[in-house]
Amino acid sequence: MRYTVKAAARATGISESRLRTWERRYGIPSPNRAPSGRRLYDEDDLTLIRRMAAMTDAGMAAAQAAEAARNGVTVAEEAQSAEHSLVSELAAAAEGFDEAEFVAGLREAIDDLGWASALGEVIFPALKRVGIYWETSIIPPANEHFAAELVRREILGSLKEIDLAAADQPMVLLACPEDERHDLGLSALNLLLRSQGLRTVYLGADVPTGDLFSACDSISPDAICLSATSATGMASLVRASRSIVASRRVRLFFGGPAMSASGTEAAGIKLPESIASAAEAIVRTLRADS
């Protein structure tokens, strides 16, 4: 059986534009063409699309998901092979409101891997799993809040141990735009930037654009970094980024899950999905500027 792009989109739940983007960027799928040039998908193509969709829904980067889908790997197999053993331990501790176990797991990950790798390999995958438990009604949202606040406490504790950078080092102003209330990822980025010797000014969640302008005019940072997790936060980020680029001569970086999940019309430099990679990109860019 052959499917048009519209029929393939309806059968898989993936929009026509996203199917075309996946084909162009990752070669998933690679449908046959009718003499007219129209795409014609078969059942194997739909299987690849569904497999890649399941992996991206589970939080895997699109390029990695495409490679795994081509190799016939299922989302469960890929997650199991790539996942650090502490992820399930932290998720279980969060589910049971077990602070001692959760903190012990956190510190083991940080001690073994360092903050940058621990965030990407253990901490945020564990929080994502807890979030999935909540979304599927396995646990209430309170467990996710519990886990996130314990992670935040560890981040703040580590920040206290880092000496302030010298006055001649680049400065980054970090904020979540108006209506974006989830700043844990940005807080982790702040820690990584400080640990690499940059000066940072952290404004946190739900910062109106006017306040961003005031702070920027007051401290003259070398860069501003904005983060969005929600759709409303993303919309605010797009508006704020355009205003900043149009009216202030300052580097602008942006990122966060909301940006990774869809296309964006924000102005500035889009950061990688990984917080460690995002920190490296900001440091590398600002060091090159100075």
C-alpha atoms as a PDB file:
ATOM      1  CA  MET A   1       0.000   0.000   0.000  1.00  0.00           C
ATOM      2  CA  ARG A   2       1.229   3.496  -0.831  1.00  0.00           C
ATOM      3  CA  TYR A   3       0.528   6.643   1.216  1.00  0.00           C
ATOM      4  CA  THR A   4       0.695  10.287   0.229  1.00  0.00           C
ATOM      5  CA  VAL A   5       2.419  12.637   2.650  1.00  0.00           C
ATOM      6  CA  LYS A   6      -0.979  13.684   3.963  1.00  0.00           C
ATOM      7  CA  ALA A   7      -2.021  10.061   4.528  1.00  0.00           C
ATOM      8  CA  ALA A   8       1.352   9.233   6.130  1.00  0.00           C
ATOM      9  CA  ALA A   9       0.965  12.173   8.491  1.00  0.00           C
ATOM     10  CA  ARG A  10      -2.504  11.017   9.451  1.00  0.00           C
ATOM     11  CA  ALA A  11      -1.335   7.414   9.970  1.00  0.00           C
ATOM     12  CA  THR A  12       1.682   8.290  12.135  1.00  0.00           C
ATOM     13  CA  GLY A  13       0.564  11.459  13.936  1.00  0.00           C
ATOM     14  CA  ILE A  14       3.605  13.347  12.591  1.00  0.00           C
ATOM     15  CA  SER A  15       2.837  16.564  10.715  1.00  0.00           C
ATOM     16  CA  GLU A  16       3.544  16.857   6.993  1.00  0.00           C
ATOM     17  CA  SER A  17       6.110  19.609   7.567  1.00  0.00           C
ATOM     18  CA  ARG A  18       7.922  17.528  10.178  1.00  0.00           C
ATOM     19  CA  LEU A  19       8.009  14.508   7.837  1.00  0.00           C
ATOM     20  CA  ARG A  20       9.624  16.641   5.160  1.00  0.00           C
ATOM     21  CA  THR A  21      12.108  18.054   7.659  1.00  0.00           C
ATOM     22  CA  TRP A  22      13.111  14.586   8.884  1.00  0.00           C
ATOM     23  CA  GLU A  23      13.579  13.428   5.294  1.00  0.00           C
ATOM     24  CA  ARG A  24      15.692  16.458   4.397  1.00  0.00           C
ATOM     25  CA  ARG A  25      17.856  16.507   7.534  1.00  0.00           C
ATOM     26  CA  TYR A  26      18.119  12.865   8.537  1.00  0.00           C
ATOM     27  CA  GLY A  27      16.979  10.757   5.588  1.00  0.00           C
ATOM     28  CA  ILE A  28      14.087   9.319   7.600  1.00  0.00           C
ATOM     29  CA  PRO A  29      12.203   8.072   5.746  1.00  0.00           C
ATOM     30  CA  SER A  30      13.280   7.955   2.102  1.00  0.00           C
ATOM     31  CA  PRO A  31       9.998   7.438   0.257  1.00  0.00           C
ATOM     32  CA  ASN A  32       9.602   6.473  -3.367  1.00  0.00           C
ATOM     33  CA  ARG A  33       8.329   9.085  -5.779  1.00  0.00           C
ATOM     34  CA  ALA A  34       5.512   8.976  -8.292  1.00  0.00           C
ATOM     35  CA  PRO A  35       6.310  10.110 -11.865  1.00  0.00           C
ATOM     36  CA  SER A  36       4.850  13.462 -10.857  1.00  0.00           C
ATOM     37  CA  GLY A  37       7.414  13.745  -8.040  1.00  0.00           C
ATOM     38  CA  ARG A  38       4.852  13.217  -5.274  1.00  0.00           C
ATOM     39  CA  ARG A  39       6.115  11.278  -2.248  1.00  0.00           C
ATOM     40  CA  LEU A  40       4.707   7.779  -1.835  1.00  0.00           C
ATOM     41  CA  TYR A  41       5.279   6.143   1.568  1.00  0.00           C
ATOM     42  CA  ASP A  42       4.997   2.399   2.187  1.00  0.00           C
ATOM     43  CA  GLU A  43       4.493   0.400   5.394  1.00  0.00           C
ATOM     44  CA  ASP A  44       8.251   0.210   6.055  1.00  0.00           C
ATOM     45  CA  ASP A  45       8.460   3.992   5.840  1.00  0.00           C
ATOM     46  CA  LEU A  46       5.658   4.328   8.380  1.00  0.00           C
ATOM     47  CA  THR A  47       7.424   1.907  10.713  1.00  0.00           C
ATOM     48  CA  LEU A  48      10.598   4.025  10.559  1.00  0.00           C
ATOM     49  CA  ILE A  49       8.613   7.195  11.215  1.00  0.00           C
ATOM     50  CA  ARG A  50       6.859   5.698  14.231  1.00  0.00           C
ATOM     51  CA  ARG A  51      10.123   4.322  15.611  1.00  0.00           C
ATOM     52  CA  MET A  52      11.878   7.695  15.301  1.00  0.00           C
ATOM     53  CA  ALA A  53       8.874   9.511  16.769  1.00  0.00           C
ATOM     54  CA  ALA A  54       8.865   7.238  19.817  1.00  0.00           C
ATOM     55  CA  MET A  55      12.543   7.958  20.417  1.00  0.00           C
ATOM     56  CA  THR A  56      12.244  11.724  20.064  1.00  0.00           C
ATOM     57  CA  ASP A  57       9.196  11.661  22.356  1.00  0.00           C
ATOM     58  CA  ALA A  58      11.377   9.861  24.912  1.00  0.00           C
ATOM     59  CA  GLY A  59      13.842  12.758  24.817  1.00  0.00           C
ATOM     60  CA  MET A  60      16.415  11.478  22.328  1.00  0.00           C
ATOM     61  CA  ALA A  61      18.050  13.966  19.957  1.00  0.00           C
ATOM     62  CA  ALA A  62      16.594  13.723  16.458  1.00  0.00           C
ATOM     63  CA  ALA A  63      19.896  12.798  14.776  1.00  0.00           C
ATOM     64  CA  GLN A  64      20.502   9.991  17.285  1.00  0.00           C
ATOM     65  CA  ALA A  65      16.912   8.790  16.952  1.00  0.00           C
ATOM     66  CA  ALA A  66      17.234   8.675  13.165  1.00  0.00           C
ATOM     67  CA  GLU A  67      20.375   6.542  13.350  1.00  0.00           C
ATOM     68  CA  ALA A  68      18.806   4.169  15.863  1.00  0.00           C
ATOM     69  CA  ALA A  69      15.616   3.881  13.809  1.00  0.00           C
ATOM     70  CA  ARG A  70      17.607   3.011  10.686  1.00  0.00           C
ATOM     71  CA  ASN A  71      19.427   0.295  12.635  1.00  0.00           C
ATOM     72  CA  GLY A  72      16.153  -1.263  13.768  1.00  0.00           C
ATOM     73  CA  VAL A  73      16.617  -0.346  17.433  1.00  0.00           C
ATOM     74  CA  THR A  74      13.470   0.183  19.510  1.00  0.00           C
ATOM     75  CA  VAL A  75      13.106   3.058  21.936  1.00  0.00           C
ATOM     76  CA  ALA A  76      13.214   0.666  24.887  1.00  0.00           C
ATOM     77  CA  GLU A  77      16.433  -0.967  23.653  1.00  0.00           C
ATOM     78  CA  GLU A  78      18.105   2.353  22.952  1.00  0.00           C
ATOM     79  CA  ALA A  79      17.122   3.800  26.319  1.00  0.00           C
ATOM     80  CA  GLN A  80      18.299   0.720  28.157  1.00  0.00           C
ATOM     81  CA  SER A  81      21.675   0.629  26.404  1.00  0.00           C
ATOM     82  CA  ALA A  82      22.354   4.326  26.849  1.00  0.00           C
ATOM     83  CA  GLU A  83      20.965   4.902  30.325  1.00  0.00           C
ATOM     84  CA  HIS A  84      23.177   5.221  33.392  1.00  0.00           C
ATOM     85  CA  SER A  85      22.246   2.855  36.202  1.00  0.00           C
ATOM     86  CA  LEU A  86      21.652   5.727  38.614  1.00  0.00           C
ATOM     87  CA  VAL A  87      18.752   7.066  36.532  1.00  0.00           C
ATOM     88  CA  SER A  88      16.351   4.386  37.702  1.00  0.00           C
ATOM     89  CA  GLU A  89      17.622   4.667  41.269  1.00  0.00           C
ATOM     90  CA  LEU A  90      16.964   8.407  41.380  1.00  0.00           C
ATOM     91  CA  ALA A  91      13.529   7.998  39.794  1.00  0.00           C
ATOM     92  CA  ALA A  92      12.608   5.349  42.345  1.00  0.00           C
ATOM     93  CA  ALA A  93      13.815   7.538  45.215  1.00  0.00           C
ATOM     94  CA  ALA A  94      11.740  10.442  43.902  1.00  0.00           C
ATOM     95  CA  GLU A  95       8.698   8.196  43.590  1.00  0.00           C
ATOM     96  CA  GLY A  96       9.087   7.212  47.246  1.00  0.00           C
ATOM     97  CA  PHE A  97       9.922  10.724  48.518  1.00  0.00           C
ATOM     98  CA  ASP A  98      13.184   9.240  49.800  1.00  0.00           C
ATOM     99  CA  GLU A  99      15.413  12.283  50.269  1.00  0.00           C
ATOM    100  CA  ALA A 100      18.400  10.375  51.642  1.00  0.00           C
ATOM    101  CA  GLU A 101      18.506   7.958  48.698  1.00  0.00           C
ATOM    102  CA  PHE A 102      17.914  10.680  46.128  1.00  0.00           C
ATOM    103  CA  VAL A 103      20.648  12.937  47.492  1.00  0.00           C
ATOM    104  CA  ALA A 104      23.044  10.003  47.803  1.00  0.00           C
ATOM    105  CA  GLY A 105      22.449   9.118  44.163  1.00  0.00           C
ATOM    106  CA  LEU A 106      22.907  12.717  43.093  1.00  0.00           C
ATOM    107  CA  ARG A 107      26.198  13.042  44.888  1.00  0.00           C
ATOM    108  CA  GLU A 108      27.449   9.715  43.602  1.00  0.00           C
ATOM    109  CA  ALA A 109      26.751  10.841  40.040  1.00  0.00           C
ATOM    110  CA  ILE A 110      28.439  14.199  40.594  1.00  0.00           C
ATOM    111  CA  ASP A 111      31.474  12.644  42.285  1.00  0.00           C
ATOM    112  CA  ASP A 112      31.892   9.995  39.585  1.00  0.00           C
ATOM    113  CA  LEU A 113      31.115  12.043  36.491  1.00  0.00           C
ATOM    114  CA  GLY A 114      31.466  15.717  37.418  1.00  0.00           C
ATOM    115  CA  TRP A 115      28.598  18.152  37.161  1.00  0.00           C
ATOM    116  CA  ALA A 116      28.600  18.516  33.374  1.00  0.00           C
ATOM    117  CA  SER A 117      28.312  14.795  32.595  1.00  0.00           C
ATOM    118  CA  ALA A 118      26.115  14.051  35.613  1.00  0.00           C
ATOM    119  CA  LEU A 119      23.528  16.553  34.419  1.00  0.00           C
ATOM    120  CA  GLY A 120      23.308  15.046  30.949  1.00  0.00           C
ATOM    121  CA  GLU A 121      23.709  11.359  31.771  1.00  0.00           C
ATOM    122  CA  VAL A 122      21.909  11.024  35.107  1.00  0.00           C
ATOM    123  CA  ILE A 123      20.171  14.019  36.638  1.00  0.00           C
ATOM    124  CA  PHE A 124      17.999  15.339  33.823  1.00  0.00           C
ATOM    125  CA  PRO A 125      17.214  11.863  32.435  1.00  0.00           C
ATOM    126  CA  ALA A 126      16.006  10.919  35.929  1.00  0.00           C
ATOM    127  CA  LEU A 127      13.883  14.061  36.178  1.00  0.00           C
ATOM    128  CA  LYS A 128      12.477  13.357  32.730  1.00  0.00           C
ATOM    129  CA  ARG A 129      11.492   9.862  33.828  1.00  0.00           C
ATOM    130  CA  VAL A 130       9.787  11.256  36.923  1.00  0.00           C
ATOM    131  CA  GLY A 131       7.960  13.705  34.658  1.00  0.00           C
ATOM    132  CA  ILE A 132       6.760  10.837  32.459  1.00  0.00           C
ATOM    133  CA  TYR A 133       5.529   9.013  35.559  1.00  0.00           C
ATOM    134  CA  TRP A 134       3.535  12.120  36.442  1.00  0.00           C
ATOM    135  CA  GLU A 135       2.161  12.652  32.937  1.00  0.00           C
ATOM    136  CA  THR A 136       0.974   9.049  32.823  1.00  0.00           C
ATOM    137  CA  SER A 137      -0.640   9.345  36.285  1.00  0.00           C
ATOM    138  CA  ILE A 138       1.710   6.859  37.928  1.00  0.00           C
ATOM    139  CA  ILE A 139       2.676   9.504  40.500  1.00  0.00           C
ATOM    140  CA  PRO A 140       1.358  13.000  41.360  1.00  0.00           C
ATOM    141  CA  PRO A 141       3.231  16.168  40.365  1.00  0.00           C
ATOM    142  CA  ALA A 142       4.461  16.571  43.947  1.00  0.00           C
ATOM    143  CA  ASN A 143       7.129  13.920  43.349  1.00  0.00           C
ATOM    144  CA  GLU A 144       8.545  15.875  40.419  1.00  0.00           C
ATOM    145  CA  HIS A 145       8.668  19.059  42.508  1.00  0.00           C
ATOM    146  CA  PHE A 146      10.368  17.135  45.304  1.00  0.00           C
ATOM    147  CA  ALA A 147      13.106  15.819  43.005  1.00  0.00           C
ATOM    148  CA  ALA A 148      13.648  19.129  41.220  1.00  0.00           C
ATOM    149  CA  GLU A 149      14.069  21.040  44.455  1.00  0.00           C
ATOM    150  CA  LEU A 150      16.650  18.556  45.736  1.00  0.00           C
ATOM    151  CA  VAL A 151      18.603  19.015  42.510  1.00  0.00           C
ATOM    152  CA  ARG A 152      18.300  22.791  42.874  1.00  0.00           C
ATOM    153  CA  ARG A 153      19.641  22.567  46.430  1.00  0.00           C
ATOM    154  CA  GLU A 154      22.716  20.680  45.250  1.00  0.00           C
ATOM    155  CA  ILE A 155      23.309  23.214  42.484  1.00  0.00           C
ATOM    156  CA  LEU A 156      23.103  26.099  44.932  1.00  0.00           C
ATOM    157  CA  GLY A 157      25.442  24.317  47.322  1.00  0.00           C
ATOM    158  CA  SER A 158      28.024  23.860  44.579  1.00  0.00           C
ATOM    159  CA  LEU A 159      27.667  27.495  43.470  1.00  0.00           C
ATOM    160  CA  LYS A 160      28.675  28.619  46.963  1.00  0.00           C
ATOM    161  CA  GLU A 161      31.973  26.771  46.595  1.00  0.00           C
ATOM    162  CA  ILE A 162      32.988  28.537  43.370  1.00  0.00           C
ATOM    163  CA  ASP A 163      35.038  31.715  43.717  1.00  0.00           C
ATOM    164  CA  LEU A 164      33.741  34.737  41.841  1.00  0.00           C
ATOM    165  CA  ALA A 165      35.457  35.234  38.503  1.00  0.00           C
ATOM    166  CA  ALA A 166      37.900  38.057  37.931  1.00  0.00           C
ATOM    167  CA  ALA A 167      36.503  41.357  36.741  1.00  0.00           C
ATOM    168  CA  ASP A 168      38.132  41.001  33.315  1.00  0.00           C
ATOM    169  CA  GLN A 169      36.244  37.780  32.512  1.00  0.00           C
ATOM    170  CA  PRO A 170      33.188  37.777  30.196  1.00  0.00           C
ATOM    171  CA  MET A 171      29.833  38.307  31.877  1.00  0.00           C
ATOM    172  CA  VAL A 172      26.596  36.496  31.018  1.00  0.00           C
ATOM    173  CA  LEU A 173      23.135  37.606  32.111  1.00  0.00           C
ATOM    174  CA  LEU A 174      20.854  34.567  32.464  1.00  0.00           C
ATOM    175  CA  ALA A 175      17.056  34.672  32.639  1.00  0.00           C
ATOM    176  CA  CYS A 176      13.856  32.893  31.728  1.00  0.00           C
ATOM    177  CA  PRO A 177      11.507  35.204  29.830  1.00  0.00           C
ATOM    178  CA  GLU A 178       8.133  36.381  31.032  1.00  0.00           C
ATOM    179  CA  ASP A 179       5.654  33.528  31.713  1.00  0.00           C
ATOM    180  CA  GLU A 180       8.427  30.901  31.868  1.00  0.00           C
ATOM    181  CA  ARG A 181       8.572  29.574  35.422  1.00  0.00           C
ATOM    182  CA  HIS A 182      10.838  26.554  34.977  1.00  0.00           C
ATOM    183  CA  ASP A 183      14.438  27.617  35.478  1.00  0.00           C
ATOM    184  CA  LEU A 184      16.193  24.500  36.766  1.00  0.00           C
ATOM    185  CA  GLY A 185      18.036  23.910  33.478  1.00  0.00           C
ATOM    186  CA  LEU A 186      19.127  27.533  33.379  1.00  0.00           C
ATOM    187  CA  SER A 187      20.302  27.264  36.983  1.00  0.00           C
ATOM    188  CA  ALA A 188      22.436  24.269  36.005  1.00  0.00           C
ATOM    189  CA  LEU A 189      23.850  26.227  33.065  1.00  0.00           C
ATOM    190  CA  ASN A 190      24.711  29.055  35.450  1.00  0.00           C
ATOM    191  CA  LEU A 191      26.703  26.594  37.569  1.00  0.00           C
ATOM    192  CA  LEU A 192      28.639  25.273  34.565  1.00  0.00           C
ATOM    193  CA  LEU A 193      29.460  28.766  33.303  1.00  0.00           C
ATOM    194  CA  ARG A 194      30.708  29.832  36.724  1.00  0.00           C
ATOM    195  CA  SER A 195      32.792  26.680  37.057  1.00  0.00           C
ATOM    196  CA  GLN A 196      34.502  27.597  33.779  1.00  0.00           C
ATOM    197  CA  GLY A 197      35.466  31.034  35.025  1.00  0.00           C
ATOM    198  CA  LEU A 198      32.801  33.290  33.564  1.00  0.00           C
ATOM    199  CA  ARG A 199      31.007  35.988  35.516  1.00  0.00           C
ATOM    200  CA  THR A 200      27.266  35.459  35.628  1.00  0.00           C
ATOM    201  CA  VAL A 201      24.238  37.430  36.772  1.00  0.00           C
ATOM    202  CA  TYR A 202      21.308  35.100  37.346  1.00  0.00           C
ATOM    203  CA  LEU A 203      17.785  36.547  37.252  1.00  0.00           C
ATOM    204  CA  GLY A 204      15.846  33.259  37.305  1.00  0.00           C
ATOM    205  CA  ALA A 205      12.287  32.658  36.156  1.00  0.00           C
ATOM    206  CA  ASP A 206       9.545  34.878  34.702  1.00  0.00           C
ATOM    207  CA  VAL A 207      11.591  38.015  33.963  1.00  0.00           C
ATOM    208  CA  PRO A 208       9.737  40.747  32.024  1.00  0.00           C
ATOM    209  CA  THR A 209      11.555  42.055  28.971  1.00  0.00           C
ATOM    210  CA  GLY A 210      11.654  45.557  30.438  1.00  0.00           C
ATOM    211  CA  ASP A 211      13.520  44.234  33.461  1.00  0.00           C
ATOM    212  CA  LEU A 212      15.963  42.445  31.159  1.00  0.00           C
ATOM    213  CA  PHE A 213      16.630  45.746  29.429  1.00  0.00           C
ATOM    214  CA  SER A 214      17.156  47.514  32.755  1.00  0.00           C
ATOM    215  CA  ALA A 215      19.603  44.872  33.953  1.00  0.00           C
ATOM    216  CA  CYS A 216      21.428  44.893  30.623  1.00  0.00           C
ATOM    217  CA  ASP A 217      21.801  48.683  30.703  1.00  0.00           C
ATOM    218  CA  SER A 218      22.974  48.572  34.311  1.00  0.00           C
ATOM    219  CA  ILE A 219      25.672  45.897  34.071  1.00  0.00           C
ATOM    220  CA  SER A 220      26.544  45.847  30.330  1.00  0.00           C
ATOM    221  CA  PRO A 221      26.955  42.063  30.025  1.00  0.00           C
ATOM    222  CA  ASP A 222      28.898  40.487  27.194  1.00  0.00           C
ATOM    223  CA  ALA A 223      25.979  38.156  26.535  1.00  0.00           C
ATOM    224  CA  ILE A 224      22.397  37.387  27.501  1.00  0.00           C
ATOM    225  CA  CYS A 225      21.134  33.816  27.708  1.00  0.00           C
ATOM    226  CA  LEU A 226      17.398  33.052  27.654  1.00  0.00           C
ATOM    227  CA  SER A 227      15.771  29.678  28.302  1.00  0.00           C
ATOM    228  CA  ALA A 228      12.251  28.382  27.644  1.00  0.00           C
ATOM    229  CA  THR A 229      10.609  25.112  28.615  1.00  0.00           C
ATOM    230  CA  SER A 230       6.934  25.788  27.906  1.00  0.00           C
ATOM    231  CA  ALA A 231       5.073  26.952  24.810  1.00  0.00           C
ATOM    232  CA  THR A 232       4.113  30.226  26.508  1.00  0.00           C
ATOM    233  CA  GLY A 233       7.716  30.720  27.592  1.00  0.00           C
ATOM    234  CA  MET A 234       8.863  30.082  24.043  1.00  0.00           C
ATOM    235  CA  ALA A 235       6.525  32.748  22.682  1.00  0.00           C
ATOM    236  CA  SER A 236       7.825  35.237  25.241  1.00  0.00           C
ATOM    237  CA  LEU A 237      11.408  34.285  24.430  1.00  0.00           C
ATOM    238  CA  VAL A 238      10.876  34.907  20.712  1.00  0.00           C
ATOM    239  CA  ARG A 239       9.443  38.360  21.412  1.00  0.00           C
ATOM    240  CA  ALA A 240      12.172  39.238  23.931  1.00  0.00           C
ATOM    241  CA  SER A 241      14.972  38.013  21.678  1.00  0.00           C
ATOM    242  CA  ARG A 242      13.828  40.168  18.783  1.00  0.00           C
ATOM    243  CA  SER A 243      13.576  43.231  21.007  1.00  0.00           C
ATOM    244  CA  ILE A 244      17.033  42.648  22.485  1.00  0.00           C
ATOM    245  CA  VAL A 245      18.738  42.114  19.131  1.00  0.00           C
ATOM    246  CA  ALA A 246      17.007  45.157  17.671  1.00  0.00           C
ATOM    247  CA  SER A 247      17.872  47.548  20.496  1.00  0.00           C
ATOM    248  CA  ARG A 248      20.978  46.289  22.338  1.00  0.00           C
ATOM    249  CA  ARG A 249      24.467  45.509  21.080  1.00  0.00           C
ATOM    250  CA  VAL A 250      25.018  42.312  23.031  1.00  0.00           C
ATOM    251  CA  ARG A 251      25.463  38.634  22.225  1.00  0.00           C
ATOM    252  CA  LEU A 252      22.220  36.716  22.667  1.00  0.00           C
ATOM    253  CA  PHE A 253      22.023  32.967  23.249  1.00  0.00           C
ATOM    254  CA  PHE A 254      18.816  30.996  23.647  1.00  0.00           C
ATOM    255  CA  GLY A 255      17.838  27.400  24.340  1.00  0.00           C
ATOM    256  CA  GLY A 256      15.758  25.038  26.427  1.00  0.00           C
ATOM    257  CA  PRO A 257      13.384  22.135  25.757  1.00  0.00           C
ATOM    258  CA  ALA A 258      10.764  24.332  24.090  1.00  0.00           C
ATOM    259  CA  MET A 259      13.292  25.378  21.474  1.00  0.00           C
ATOM    260  CA  SER A 260      14.564  21.840  20.930  1.00  0.00           C
ATOM    261  CA  ALA A 261      11.094  20.463  20.326  1.00  0.00           C
ATOM    262  CA  SER A 262      10.177  22.720  17.435  1.00  0.00           C
ATOM    263  CA  GLY A 263      11.360  25.257  14.942  1.00  0.00           C
ATOM    264  CA  THR A 264      11.966  28.740  16.211  1.00  0.00           C
ATOM    265  CA  GLU A 265      11.889  32.293  14.991  1.00  0.00           C
ATOM    266  CA  ALA A 266      13.948  33.628  17.882  1.00  0.00           C
ATOM    267  CA  ALA A 267      16.857  35.938  17.188  1.00  0.00           C
ATOM    268  CA  GLY A 268      20.351  35.159  18.409  1.00  0.00           C
ATOM    269  CA  ILE A 269      22.446  31.997  18.697  1.00  0.00           C
ATOM    270  CA  LYS A 270      20.554  28.761  19.331  1.00  0.00           C
ATOM    271  CA  LEU A 271      22.329  26.590  21.897  1.00  0.00           C
ATOM    272  CA  PRO A 272      22.744  22.800  21.741  1.00  0.00           C
ATOM    273  CA  GLU A 273      20.237  20.645  23.637  1.00  0.00           C
ATOM    274  CA  SER A 274      22.865  19.376  26.096  1.00  0.00           C
ATOM    275  CA  ILE A 275      23.502  21.798  28.961  1.00  0.00           C
ATOM    276  CA  ALA A 276      27.192  20.871  28.991  1.00  0.00           C
ATOM    277  CA  SER A 277      27.440  21.537  25.246  1.00  0.00           C
ATOM    278  CA  ALA A 278      25.524  24.790  25.666  1.00  0.00           C
ATOM    279  CA  ALA A 279      27.984  25.954  28.330  1.00  0.00           C
ATOM    280  CA  GLU A 280      30.915  25.033  26.103  1.00  0.00           C
ATOM    281  CA  ALA A 281      29.399  26.939  23.175  1.00  0.00           C
ATOM    282  CA  ILE A 282      28.899  30.095  25.265  1.00  0.00           C
ATOM    283  CA  VAL A 283      32.399  29.941  26.761  1.00  0.00           C
ATOM    284  CA  ARG A 284      34.007  29.278  23.389  1.00  0.00           C
ATOM    285  CA  THR A 285      32.150  32.154  21.722  1.00  0.00           C
ATOM    286  CA  LEU A 286      32.849  34.703  24.450  1.00  0.00           C
ATOM    287  CA  ARG A 287      36.511  33.708  24.776  1.00  0.00           C
ATOM    288  CA  ALA A 288      36.873  34.193  21.027  1.00  0.00           C
ATOM    289  CA  ASP A 289      35.244  37.631  21.321  1.00  0.00           C
ATOM    290  CA  SER A 290      37.567  38.815  24.076  1.00  0.00           C
END
